Protein backbone atom coordinates (compact mmCIF):
# COMPACT_ATOMS: atom_id res chain seq x y z
CA UNK A 1 172.90 105.27 140.92
CA UNK A 2 170.12 103.53 142.81
CA UNK A 3 171.68 101.87 145.85
CA UNK A 4 168.85 101.87 148.37
CA UNK A 5 168.38 98.59 150.28
CA UNK A 6 164.85 97.77 151.34
CA UNK A 7 164.20 96.44 154.85
CA UNK A 8 160.55 95.41 154.91
CA UNK A 9 160.83 93.10 157.95
CA UNK A 10 161.36 96.02 160.32
CA UNK A 11 158.42 97.85 158.79
CA UNK A 12 156.09 94.87 159.04
CA UNK A 13 157.00 94.43 162.72
CA UNK A 14 155.47 97.87 163.28
CA UNK A 15 152.23 96.90 161.52
CA UNK A 16 150.21 96.32 164.75
CA UNK A 17 151.03 99.85 165.94
CA UNK A 18 150.19 101.24 162.52
CA UNK A 19 146.86 99.41 162.50
CA UNK A 20 146.09 100.91 165.91
CA UNK A 21 146.93 104.31 164.44
CA UNK A 22 144.65 103.57 161.47
CA UNK A 23 141.79 102.97 163.90
CA UNK A 24 142.43 106.35 165.55
CA UNK A 25 142.42 107.88 162.07
CA UNK A 26 139.06 106.32 161.24
CA UNK A 27 137.54 107.30 164.60
CA UNK A 28 138.66 110.90 164.15
CA UNK A 29 137.24 111.06 160.62
CA UNK A 30 133.95 109.46 161.70
CA UNK A 31 133.51 111.89 164.60
CA UNK A 32 134.30 114.83 162.34
CA UNK A 33 131.61 113.64 159.93
CA UNK A 34 128.99 113.22 162.67
CA UNK A 35 129.63 116.69 164.07
CA UNK A 36 130.03 118.09 160.57
CA UNK A 37 126.66 116.77 159.42
CA UNK A 38 124.89 118.16 162.48
CA UNK A 39 126.50 121.58 162.06
CA UNK A 40 125.91 121.53 158.31
CA UNK A 41 122.20 120.88 158.84
CA UNK A 42 122.05 123.85 161.22
CA UNK A 43 123.94 126.03 158.73
CA UNK A 44 121.57 124.97 155.94
CA UNK A 45 118.56 125.99 158.00
CA UNK A 46 120.21 129.29 158.95
CA UNK A 47 120.94 130.07 155.31
CA UNK A 48 117.23 129.69 154.51
CA UNK A 49 116.11 132.06 157.27
CA UNK A 50 115.22 135.69 156.67
CA UNK A 51 117.29 136.77 159.68
CA UNK A 52 120.33 138.58 158.18
CA UNK A 53 122.56 137.78 161.19
CA UNK A 54 121.89 134.03 160.98
CA UNK A 55 122.31 134.00 157.22
CA UNK A 56 125.47 136.07 157.43
CA UNK A 57 126.99 133.76 160.05
CA UNK A 58 126.21 130.64 158.02
CA UNK A 59 127.42 132.12 154.74
CA UNK A 60 130.64 133.31 156.38
CA UNK A 61 131.32 129.85 157.85
CA UNK A 62 130.78 128.18 154.47
CA UNK A 63 132.87 130.77 152.63
CA UNK A 64 135.84 130.49 155.01
CA UNK A 65 135.72 126.68 155.13
CA UNK A 66 135.62 126.36 151.34
CA UNK A 67 138.16 129.06 150.46
CA UNK A 68 140.99 128.66 152.95
CA UNK A 69 143.45 125.74 153.28
CA UNK A 70 142.60 123.08 155.85
CA UNK A 71 146.20 123.33 157.06
CA UNK A 72 145.67 126.98 158.02
CA UNK A 73 142.43 126.16 159.84
CA UNK A 74 144.18 123.56 161.99
CA UNK A 75 147.15 125.88 162.59
CA UNK A 76 144.84 128.64 163.82
CA UNK A 77 142.99 126.28 166.14
CA UNK A 78 146.20 124.90 167.65
CA UNK A 79 148.91 127.57 167.46
CA UNK A 80 146.63 130.59 167.04
CA UNK A 81 144.42 129.83 170.01
CA UNK A 82 147.50 128.79 171.98
CA UNK A 83 149.05 132.22 171.46
CA UNK A 84 145.87 133.70 172.94
CA UNK A 85 146.15 131.49 176.01
CA UNK A 86 143.52 128.97 174.87
CA UNK A 87 145.42 125.70 174.71
CA UNK A 88 143.82 122.64 173.11
CA UNK A 89 145.27 119.21 172.48
CA UNK A 90 146.57 118.18 169.08
CA UNK A 91 143.68 115.78 168.60
CA UNK A 92 141.05 118.37 169.51
CA UNK A 93 142.60 120.90 167.12
CA UNK A 94 142.63 118.32 164.33
CA UNK A 95 139.06 117.17 165.02
CA UNK A 96 137.78 120.75 165.20
CA UNK A 97 139.60 121.73 162.01
CA UNK A 98 138.25 118.80 160.00
CA UNK A 99 134.76 119.30 161.45
CA UNK A 100 134.86 122.99 160.50
CA UNK A 101 135.88 122.08 156.98
CA UNK A 102 133.34 119.25 156.65
CA UNK A 103 130.49 121.43 157.89
CA UNK A 104 131.25 124.09 155.27
CA UNK A 105 131.32 121.68 152.35
CA UNK A 106 128.37 119.60 153.55
CA UNK A 107 126.24 122.69 154.12
CA UNK A 108 126.71 123.58 150.47
CA UNK A 109 125.85 120.01 149.45
CA UNK A 110 122.73 120.04 151.61
CA UNK A 111 121.67 123.39 150.21
CA UNK A 112 122.06 122.11 146.65
CA UNK A 113 120.16 118.93 147.50
CA UNK A 114 117.37 120.93 149.11
CA UNK A 115 117.08 123.13 146.03
CA UNK A 116 116.81 120.01 143.87
CA UNK A 117 113.56 118.96 145.59
CA UNK A 118 110.68 120.91 143.96
CA UNK A 119 108.76 123.15 146.36
CA UNK A 120 105.56 121.98 144.71
CA UNK A 121 105.98 118.63 146.47
CA UNK A 122 105.88 120.32 149.87
CA UNK A 123 102.82 122.31 148.83
CA UNK A 124 101.11 119.16 147.61
CA UNK A 125 101.89 117.40 150.89
CA UNK A 126 100.50 120.31 152.89
CA UNK A 127 97.34 120.31 150.76
CA UNK A 128 96.85 116.66 151.71
CA UNK A 129 96.81 117.61 155.39
CA UNK A 130 100.43 116.99 156.34
CA UNK A 131 102.13 119.35 158.76
CA UNK A 132 105.33 121.10 157.67
CA UNK A 133 107.38 118.66 159.79
CA UNK A 134 105.63 115.64 158.25
CA UNK A 135 106.12 117.01 154.75
CA UNK A 136 109.84 117.46 155.26
CA UNK A 137 110.28 114.15 157.10
CA UNK A 138 108.34 112.02 154.63
CA UNK A 139 108.77 113.89 151.35
CA UNK A 140 111.82 116.15 151.37
CA UNK A 141 114.35 114.34 153.59
CA UNK A 142 114.21 110.94 151.78
CA UNK A 143 114.90 112.68 148.46
CA UNK A 144 117.57 114.87 150.02
CA UNK A 145 119.40 111.82 151.41
CA UNK A 146 119.43 110.18 148.01
CA UNK A 147 120.89 113.32 146.44
CA UNK A 148 123.62 113.98 149.04
CA UNK A 149 124.52 110.37 149.86
CA UNK A 150 127.47 110.06 147.51
CA UNK A 151 128.84 113.54 148.32
CA UNK A 152 128.70 112.44 151.98
CA UNK A 153 130.73 109.36 151.08
CA UNK A 154 133.32 111.45 149.24
CA UNK A 155 133.55 113.82 152.20
CA UNK A 156 134.13 110.90 154.57
CA UNK A 157 137.03 109.71 152.43
CA UNK A 158 138.38 113.26 152.35
CA UNK A 159 138.09 113.46 156.15
CA UNK A 160 140.15 110.28 156.52
CA UNK A 161 142.88 111.73 154.31
CA UNK A 162 142.80 115.08 156.12
CA UNK A 163 143.60 113.41 159.44
CA UNK A 164 147.17 113.10 158.18
CA UNK A 165 147.50 116.84 158.87
CA UNK A 166 147.49 116.03 162.59
CA UNK A 167 151.22 115.35 162.44
CA UNK A 168 151.90 119.07 161.93
CA UNK A 169 150.46 119.88 165.36
CA UNK A 170 152.20 117.01 167.14
CA UNK A 171 149.59 114.26 166.98
CA UNK A 172 151.46 110.98 167.20
CA UNK A 173 148.86 108.25 167.74
CA UNK A 174 147.07 108.34 164.39
CA UNK A 175 148.33 106.50 161.31
CA UNK A 176 150.55 109.30 160.01
CA UNK A 177 151.82 110.12 163.50
CA UNK A 178 152.79 106.51 164.23
CA UNK A 179 154.41 106.21 160.80
CA UNK A 180 156.42 109.38 161.31
CA UNK A 181 157.61 108.21 164.75
CA UNK A 182 158.94 104.97 163.27
CA UNK A 183 160.47 106.88 160.37
CA UNK A 184 162.39 109.14 162.78
CA UNK A 185 163.62 106.14 164.78
CA UNK A 186 164.65 103.94 161.83
CA UNK A 187 165.06 106.28 158.82
CA UNK A 188 163.22 103.69 156.71
CA UNK A 189 161.05 106.34 155.07
CA UNK A 190 159.98 104.47 151.97
CA UNK A 191 158.97 101.25 153.72
CA UNK A 192 156.90 102.84 156.49
CA UNK A 193 155.15 105.42 154.37
CA UNK A 194 154.46 102.90 151.62
CA UNK A 195 152.64 100.69 154.15
CA UNK A 196 150.81 103.73 155.53
CA UNK A 197 149.72 104.70 152.02
CA UNK A 198 148.35 101.21 151.46
CA UNK A 199 146.42 101.41 154.75
CA UNK A 200 144.92 104.79 153.79
CA UNK A 201 143.98 103.34 150.41
CA UNK A 202 142.29 100.34 152.00
CA UNK A 203 140.35 102.52 154.45
CA UNK A 204 139.11 104.72 151.60
CA UNK A 205 138.11 101.73 149.48
CA UNK A 206 136.33 100.13 152.44
CA UNK A 207 134.30 103.31 153.00
CA UNK A 208 133.28 103.42 149.34
CA UNK A 209 132.36 99.73 149.35
CA UNK A 210 130.20 100.07 152.47
CA UNK A 211 128.57 103.17 150.99
CA UNK A 212 127.68 101.32 147.80
CA UNK A 213 126.18 98.48 149.82
CA UNK A 214 124.13 100.92 151.88
CA UNK A 215 123.01 102.75 148.74
CA UNK A 216 121.87 99.46 147.22
CA UNK A 217 119.89 98.62 150.35
CA UNK A 218 118.40 102.08 150.87
CA UNK A 219 117.81 103.37 147.35
CA UNK A 220 117.08 100.32 145.23
CA UNK A 221 113.38 101.20 144.94
């Protein structure tokens, strides 16, 4: 028989702390995307090189990131490195784990986007007197951004959701960490996690809405 009594007032009193945790969640996801994009660009270039060492390193990174659970990656960075005497904070382990994962997926997206731009366009640009840098900056990159823009948006949403894994390594100031702390203190599991779920949902929807606005401004021509 269902005899649970809801106590929403206590949960709503914790809303300011949960909103502060939501901001930490967003900051962590945004930083992981910035670092992930930079690393992914480097991996994409390395995968196009003829150097077997560089290509092997990049392909290994992408393969591990895409074919192992994110939970294991964060565990290795926090508990695994700790067992070797290399101690990092919970937040650093979470950020590094999400960045590692983002870089692997984004590198594959960038590679696919690069392959979608015909090489004949670069050759045509070079025949018109453009340098290789100018050809890529003015011809290839604008088309690449259009192709990978929505995958980037999806990856940002995924990064926000992955920050919830921080609770497994003791992170307690992000949205899931704050929610879990209040849950332990009050045992009002449904109320707190329901509000947290709504906050995650709103963050994800806000990211998609901003992305659509940017896409309309950048790619309407």
